[in-house]
Amino acid sequence: MTADDSFGRLDDDDFPAYTMGRAAEMLGTTQGFLRAVGEARLITPLRSAGGHRRYSRYQLRIAARARELVDQGTPVEAACRIVILEDQLQEAQRLNAKYRTAAAGPKAAA
C-alpha cells in the first residue's frame, strides 16, 4: 500500500485505523470494556498482521453507545443487545421508508 492509498482511507468509517489502546483512550474506557463488547459480539475488530485488534470509527461509535448504557447502570451484555436491537430497528425503518416511497410510485413525484 502506498501513502496515496492510505490518505484515501482517512475518510473511510470502516477502515480499522485505531489500536485497542487508542480506541479505549478515545472512548474513555478500558481495554477490558472493548474486549467485553467484542465477546458480546457487538463489534468484531479486525486483526493486524501481528494479531493486534484494530477498530474503525464506525465500531467506536457503536462501542460508545454501549458505554453510555453501561454508564447508566446497564450490564455490558444487555447494553450490547440493546445497541444491536436499536441498529436493527433503524435499518427496518430505513427499509420501510424506501418501500413506501417505491409503492407511492410516480404519483409521489408529481
N, C-alpha and C. Protein backbone atom coordinates (compact mmCIF):
# COMPACT_ATOMS: atom_id res chain seq x y z
N MET A 1 0.84 -1.17 0.00
CA MET A 1 0.00 0.00 0.00
C MET A 1 0.89 1.24 0.00
N THR A 2 0.57 2.19 -0.83
CA THR A 2 1.35 3.41 -0.90
C THR A 2 0.74 4.47 0.02
N ALA A 3 1.47 5.54 0.22
CA ALA A 3 0.97 6.64 1.05
C ALA A 3 -0.30 7.21 0.43
N ASP A 4 -0.36 7.30 -0.90
CA ASP A 4 -1.56 7.83 -1.55
C ASP A 4 -2.76 6.96 -1.26
N ASP A 5 -2.60 5.64 -1.22
CA ASP A 5 -3.70 4.73 -0.89
C ASP A 5 -4.19 4.98 0.54
N SER A 6 -3.26 5.19 1.46
CA SER A 6 -3.61 5.40 2.86
C SER A 6 -4.40 6.68 3.06
N PHE A 7 -4.03 7.75 2.35
CA PHE A 7 -4.75 9.01 2.51
C PHE A 7 -6.20 8.89 2.08
N GLY A 8 -6.48 8.05 1.09
CA GLY A 8 -7.85 7.84 0.64
C GLY A 8 -8.71 7.19 1.70
N ARG A 9 -8.10 6.52 2.67
CA ARG A 9 -8.85 5.83 3.71
C ARG A 9 -9.13 6.70 4.94
N LEU A 10 -8.60 7.90 4.96
CA LEU A 10 -8.79 8.75 6.12
C LEU A 10 -10.26 9.06 6.38
N ASP A 11 -11.07 9.11 5.34
CA ASP A 11 -12.49 9.40 5.49
C ASP A 11 -13.34 8.14 5.54
N ASP A 12 -12.72 6.97 5.51
CA ASP A 12 -13.44 5.70 5.49
C ASP A 12 -13.81 5.29 6.92
N ASP A 13 -15.11 5.30 7.23
CA ASP A 13 -15.57 4.94 8.58
C ASP A 13 -15.30 3.49 8.93
N ASP A 14 -15.08 2.65 7.93
CA ASP A 14 -14.87 1.22 8.18
C ASP A 14 -13.40 0.81 8.19
N PHE A 15 -12.50 1.75 7.97
CA PHE A 15 -11.08 1.43 7.96
C PHE A 15 -10.60 1.22 9.40
N PRO A 16 -10.00 0.08 9.71
CA PRO A 16 -9.56 -0.22 11.08
C PRO A 16 -8.27 0.52 11.43
N ALA A 17 -8.39 1.77 11.81
CA ALA A 17 -7.24 2.63 12.00
C ALA A 17 -6.75 2.71 13.44
N TYR A 18 -7.56 2.27 14.40
CA TYR A 18 -7.23 2.52 15.80
C TYR A 18 -6.85 1.25 16.55
N THR A 19 -5.75 1.31 17.27
CA THR A 19 -5.34 0.18 18.11
C THR A 19 -6.28 0.11 19.31
N MET A 20 -6.22 -1.00 20.01
CA MET A 20 -7.08 -1.16 21.18
C MET A 20 -6.79 -0.08 22.22
N GLY A 21 -5.53 0.21 22.47
CA GLY A 21 -5.18 1.22 23.45
C GLY A 21 -5.71 2.59 23.07
N ARG A 22 -5.53 2.96 21.82
CA ARG A 22 -6.01 4.27 21.34
C ARG A 22 -7.53 4.32 21.37
N ALA A 23 -8.19 3.23 20.97
CA ALA A 23 -9.66 3.19 20.97
C ALA A 23 -10.20 3.36 22.39
N ALA A 24 -9.60 2.66 23.34
CA ALA A 24 -10.03 2.77 24.73
C ALA A 24 -9.82 4.19 25.24
N GLU A 25 -8.70 4.77 24.88
CA GLU A 25 -8.42 6.16 25.29
C GLU A 25 -9.45 7.12 24.71
N MET A 26 -9.78 6.95 23.44
CA MET A 26 -10.75 7.83 22.79
C MET A 26 -12.14 7.71 23.42
N LEU A 27 -12.50 6.50 23.84
CA LEU A 27 -13.81 6.27 24.44
C LEU A 27 -13.84 6.57 25.94
N GLY A 28 -12.65 6.76 26.52
CA GLY A 28 -12.58 7.00 27.95
C GLY A 28 -12.95 5.76 28.75
N THR A 29 -12.54 4.62 28.25
CA THR A 29 -12.86 3.35 28.89
C THR A 29 -11.61 2.49 28.98
N THR A 30 -11.79 1.25 29.34
CA THR A 30 -10.65 0.34 29.45
C THR A 30 -10.60 -0.60 28.25
N GLN A 31 -9.45 -1.21 28.09
CA GLN A 31 -9.32 -2.23 27.04
C GLN A 31 -10.21 -3.42 27.36
N GLY A 32 -10.42 -3.69 28.64
CA GLY A 32 -11.31 -4.77 29.05
C GLY A 32 -12.74 -4.55 28.57
N PHE A 33 -13.17 -3.29 28.58
CA PHE A 33 -14.52 -2.98 28.06
C PHE A 33 -14.60 -3.33 26.59
N LEU A 34 -13.58 -2.96 25.82
CA LEU A 34 -13.58 -3.29 24.39
C LEU A 34 -13.57 -4.80 24.17
N ARG A 35 -12.84 -5.52 25.00
CA ARG A 35 -12.86 -6.98 24.90
C ARG A 35 -14.27 -7.52 25.20
N ALA A 36 -14.92 -6.94 26.21
CA ALA A 36 -16.25 -7.39 26.61
C ALA A 36 -17.28 -7.16 25.50
N VAL A 37 -17.24 -6.01 24.84
CA VAL A 37 -18.20 -5.77 23.76
C VAL A 37 -17.87 -6.65 22.55
N GLY A 38 -16.61 -7.00 22.41
CA GLY A 38 -16.23 -7.96 21.37
C GLY A 38 -16.75 -9.35 21.68
N GLU A 39 -16.62 -9.77 22.93
CA GLU A 39 -17.11 -11.09 23.35
C GLU A 39 -18.64 -11.17 23.24
N ALA A 40 -19.32 -10.04 23.44
CA ALA A 40 -20.77 -9.99 23.31
C ALA A 40 -21.19 -9.88 21.84
N ARG A 41 -20.20 -9.83 20.96
CA ARG A 41 -20.40 -9.77 19.50
C ARG A 41 -21.10 -8.49 19.03
N LEU A 42 -20.90 -7.43 19.77
CA LEU A 42 -21.41 -6.14 19.32
C LEU A 42 -20.53 -5.61 18.20
N ILE A 43 -19.24 -5.72 18.39
CA ILE A 43 -18.28 -5.34 17.34
C ILE A 43 -17.24 -6.44 17.23
N THR A 44 -16.71 -6.60 16.04
CA THR A 44 -15.65 -7.58 15.80
C THR A 44 -14.48 -6.82 15.19
N PRO A 45 -13.47 -6.52 16.00
CA PRO A 45 -12.34 -5.77 15.47
C PRO A 45 -11.57 -6.62 14.45
N LEU A 46 -11.00 -5.95 13.50
CA LEU A 46 -10.12 -6.64 12.57
C LEU A 46 -8.79 -6.85 13.26
N ARG A 47 -7.99 -7.72 12.73
CA ARG A 47 -6.69 -8.00 13.32
C ARG A 47 -5.58 -7.57 12.37
N SER A 48 -4.53 -7.01 12.95
CA SER A 48 -3.35 -6.65 12.16
C SER A 48 -2.60 -7.92 11.81
N ALA A 49 -1.59 -7.79 10.98
CA ALA A 49 -0.77 -8.95 10.63
C ALA A 49 -0.15 -9.59 11.87
N GLY A 50 0.10 -8.80 12.89
CA GLY A 50 0.67 -9.31 14.14
C GLY A 50 -0.38 -9.82 15.11
N GLY A 51 -1.65 -9.78 14.73
CA GLY A 51 -2.73 -10.29 15.58
C GLY A 51 -3.33 -9.27 16.54
N HIS A 52 -2.95 -8.01 16.43
CA HIS A 52 -3.47 -6.97 17.31
C HIS A 52 -4.83 -6.48 16.81
N ARG A 53 -5.72 -6.18 17.75
CA ARG A 53 -7.04 -5.68 17.40
C ARG A 53 -6.94 -4.27 16.82
N ARG A 54 -7.75 -4.03 15.79
CA ARG A 54 -7.84 -2.70 15.16
C ARG A 54 -9.31 -2.35 15.01
N TYR A 55 -9.65 -1.11 15.37
CA TYR A 55 -11.04 -0.66 15.37
C TYR A 55 -11.25 0.46 14.37
N SER A 56 -12.43 0.50 13.78
CA SER A 56 -12.81 1.56 12.85
C SER A 56 -13.60 2.64 13.61
N ARG A 57 -13.79 3.77 12.98
CA ARG A 57 -14.59 4.83 13.59
C ARG A 57 -16.02 4.38 13.80
N TYR A 58 -16.56 3.62 12.84
CA TYR A 58 -17.92 3.09 12.99
C TYR A 58 -18.00 2.21 14.23
N GLN A 59 -17.04 1.32 14.41
CA GLN A 59 -17.04 0.44 15.58
C GLN A 59 -16.92 1.24 16.88
N LEU A 60 -16.15 2.30 16.85
CA LEU A 60 -16.01 3.13 18.04
C LEU A 60 -17.31 3.84 18.39
N ARG A 61 -18.08 4.26 17.38
CA ARG A 61 -19.38 4.88 17.65
C ARG A 61 -20.33 3.88 18.29
N ILE A 62 -20.31 2.65 17.79
CA ILE A 62 -21.16 1.59 18.35
C ILE A 62 -20.75 1.31 19.80
N ALA A 63 -19.46 1.18 20.04
CA ALA A 63 -18.96 0.93 21.39
C ALA A 63 -19.28 2.09 22.32
N ALA A 64 -19.23 3.31 21.81
CA ALA A 64 -19.54 4.49 22.62
C ALA A 64 -21.00 4.46 23.07
N ARG A 65 -21.90 4.03 22.19
CA ARG A 65 -23.32 3.92 22.56
C ARG A 65 -23.49 2.87 23.67
N ALA A 66 -22.80 1.75 23.55
CA ALA A 66 -22.87 0.72 24.59
C ALA A 66 -22.32 1.28 25.91
N ARG A 67 -21.26 2.04 25.83
CA ARG A 67 -20.67 2.62 27.04
C ARG A 67 -21.65 3.57 27.72
N GLU A 68 -22.40 4.34 26.94
CA GLU A 68 -23.41 5.23 27.53
C GLU A 68 -24.40 4.43 28.38
N LEU A 69 -24.84 3.31 27.83
CA LEU A 69 -25.80 2.46 28.55
C LEU A 69 -25.17 1.85 29.80
N VAL A 70 -23.93 1.40 29.68
CA VAL A 70 -23.23 0.82 30.83
C VAL A 70 -23.05 1.88 31.92
N ASP A 71 -22.72 3.10 31.51
CA ASP A 71 -22.55 4.19 32.48
C ASP A 71 -23.85 4.49 33.21
N GLN A 72 -24.99 4.15 32.59
CA GLN A 72 -26.30 4.36 33.22
C GLN A 72 -26.72 3.17 34.08
N GLY A 73 -25.84 2.15 34.16
CA GLY A 73 -26.11 1.03 35.03
C GLY A 73 -26.54 -0.25 34.34
N THR A 74 -26.57 -0.27 33.03
CA THR A 74 -26.96 -1.45 32.28
C THR A 74 -25.77 -2.41 32.20
N PRO A 75 -25.99 -3.71 32.46
CA PRO A 75 -24.88 -4.67 32.29
C PRO A 75 -24.37 -4.68 30.85
N VAL A 76 -23.10 -4.98 30.67
CA VAL A 76 -22.48 -4.92 29.35
C VAL A 76 -23.24 -5.77 28.33
N GLU A 77 -23.57 -7.00 28.69
CA GLU A 77 -24.25 -7.89 27.74
C GLU A 77 -25.59 -7.31 27.32
N ALA A 78 -26.34 -6.76 28.28
CA ALA A 78 -27.64 -6.16 27.97
C ALA A 78 -27.47 -4.91 27.12
N ALA A 79 -26.46 -4.11 27.43
CA ALA A 79 -26.20 -2.90 26.64
C ALA A 79 -25.89 -3.25 25.20
N CYS A 80 -25.10 -4.29 25.00
CA CYS A 80 -24.77 -4.73 23.64
C CYS A 80 -26.02 -5.18 22.90
N ARG A 81 -26.88 -5.92 23.58
CA ARG A 81 -28.12 -6.38 22.94
C ARG A 81 -29.02 -5.21 22.59
N ILE A 82 -29.11 -4.22 23.46
CA ILE A 82 -29.91 -3.03 23.19
C ILE A 82 -29.39 -2.31 21.96
N VAL A 83 -28.08 -2.14 21.86
CA VAL A 83 -27.48 -1.44 20.72
C VAL A 83 -27.76 -2.22 19.43
N ILE A 84 -27.65 -3.53 19.48
CA ILE A 84 -27.94 -4.36 18.31
C ILE A 84 -29.40 -4.18 17.89
N LEU A 85 -30.32 -4.20 18.85
CA LEU A 85 -31.74 -4.02 18.53
C LEU A 85 -32.04 -2.62 18.00
N GLU A 86 -31.38 -1.61 18.55
CA GLU A 86 -31.55 -0.25 18.04
C GLU A 86 -31.10 -0.16 16.59
N ASP A 87 -29.99 -0.81 16.28
CA ASP A 87 -29.46 -0.81 14.92
C ASP A 87 -30.42 -1.53 13.97
N GLN A 88 -30.96 -2.66 14.42
CA GLN A 88 -31.91 -3.41 13.58
C GLN A 88 -33.18 -2.59 13.35
N LEU A 89 -33.66 -1.91 14.37
CA LEU A 89 -34.84 -1.07 14.23
C LEU A 89 -34.59 0.06 13.24
N GLN A 90 -33.45 0.70 13.34
CA GLN A 90 -33.10 1.79 12.43
C GLN A 90 -33.06 1.29 10.98
N GLU A 91 -32.49 0.13 10.76
CA GLU A 91 -32.42 -0.44 9.42
C GLU A 91 -33.82 -0.79 8.91
N ALA A 92 -34.66 -1.35 9.76
CA ALA A 92 -36.03 -1.69 9.36
C ALA A 92 -36.81 -0.42 9.00
N GLN A 93 -36.63 0.65 9.77
CA GLN A 93 -37.30 1.91 9.46
C GLN A 93 -36.81 2.49 8.14
N ARG A 94 -35.52 2.35 7.88
CA ARG A 94 -34.97 2.84 6.60
C ARG A 94 -35.58 2.07 5.44
N LEU A 95 -35.66 0.75 5.57
CA LEU A 95 -36.24 -0.07 4.51
C LEU A 95 -37.72 0.22 4.32
N ASN A 96 -38.46 0.42 5.41
CA ASN A 96 -39.88 0.75 5.30
C ASN A 96 -40.09 2.05 4.55
N ALA A 97 -39.28 3.05 4.85
CA ALA A 97 -39.38 4.33 4.15
C ALA A 97 -39.08 4.16 2.67
N LYS A 98 -38.08 3.35 2.36
CA LYS A 98 -37.72 3.09 0.96
C LYS A 98 -38.89 2.40 0.23
N TYR A 99 -39.50 1.40 0.87
CA TYR A 99 -40.61 0.68 0.23
C TYR A 99 -41.85 1.56 0.10
N ARG A 100 -42.09 2.42 1.08
CA ARG A 100 -43.24 3.33 0.98
C ARG A 100 -43.06 4.28 -0.20
N THR A 101 -41.84 4.79 -0.36
CA THR A 101 -41.54 5.68 -1.47
C THR A 101 -41.74 4.97 -2.80
N ALA A 102 -41.24 3.74 -2.88
CA ALA A 102 -41.38 2.95 -4.12
C ALA A 102 -42.83 2.62 -4.39
N ALA A 103 -43.61 2.32 -3.36
CA ALA A 103 -45.02 1.97 -3.54
C ALA A 103 -45.85 3.17 -3.98
N ALA A 104 -45.42 4.36 -3.56
CA ALA A 104 -46.15 5.57 -3.95
C ALA A 104 -45.98 5.82 -5.45
N GLY A 105 -44.89 5.35 -5.99
CA GLY A 105 -44.64 5.45 -7.42
C GLY A 105 -44.55 6.87 -7.92
N PRO A 106 -44.84 7.05 -9.21
CA PRO A 106 -44.70 8.36 -9.84
C PRO A 106 -45.65 9.41 -9.28
N LYS A 107 -46.74 8.98 -8.64
CA LYS A 107 -47.69 9.95 -8.07
C LYS A 107 -47.01 10.81 -7.03
N ALA A 108 -46.08 10.23 -6.28
CA ALA A 108 -45.40 10.95 -5.22
C ALA A 108 -44.49 12.04 -5.77
N ALA A 109 -43.96 11.81 -6.97
CA ALA A 109 -43.04 12.77 -7.58
C ALA A 109 -43.78 13.96 -8.15
N ALA A 110 -45.06 13.81 -8.46
CA ALA A 110 -45.83 14.89 -9.10
C ALA A 110 -46.22 15.98 -8.15
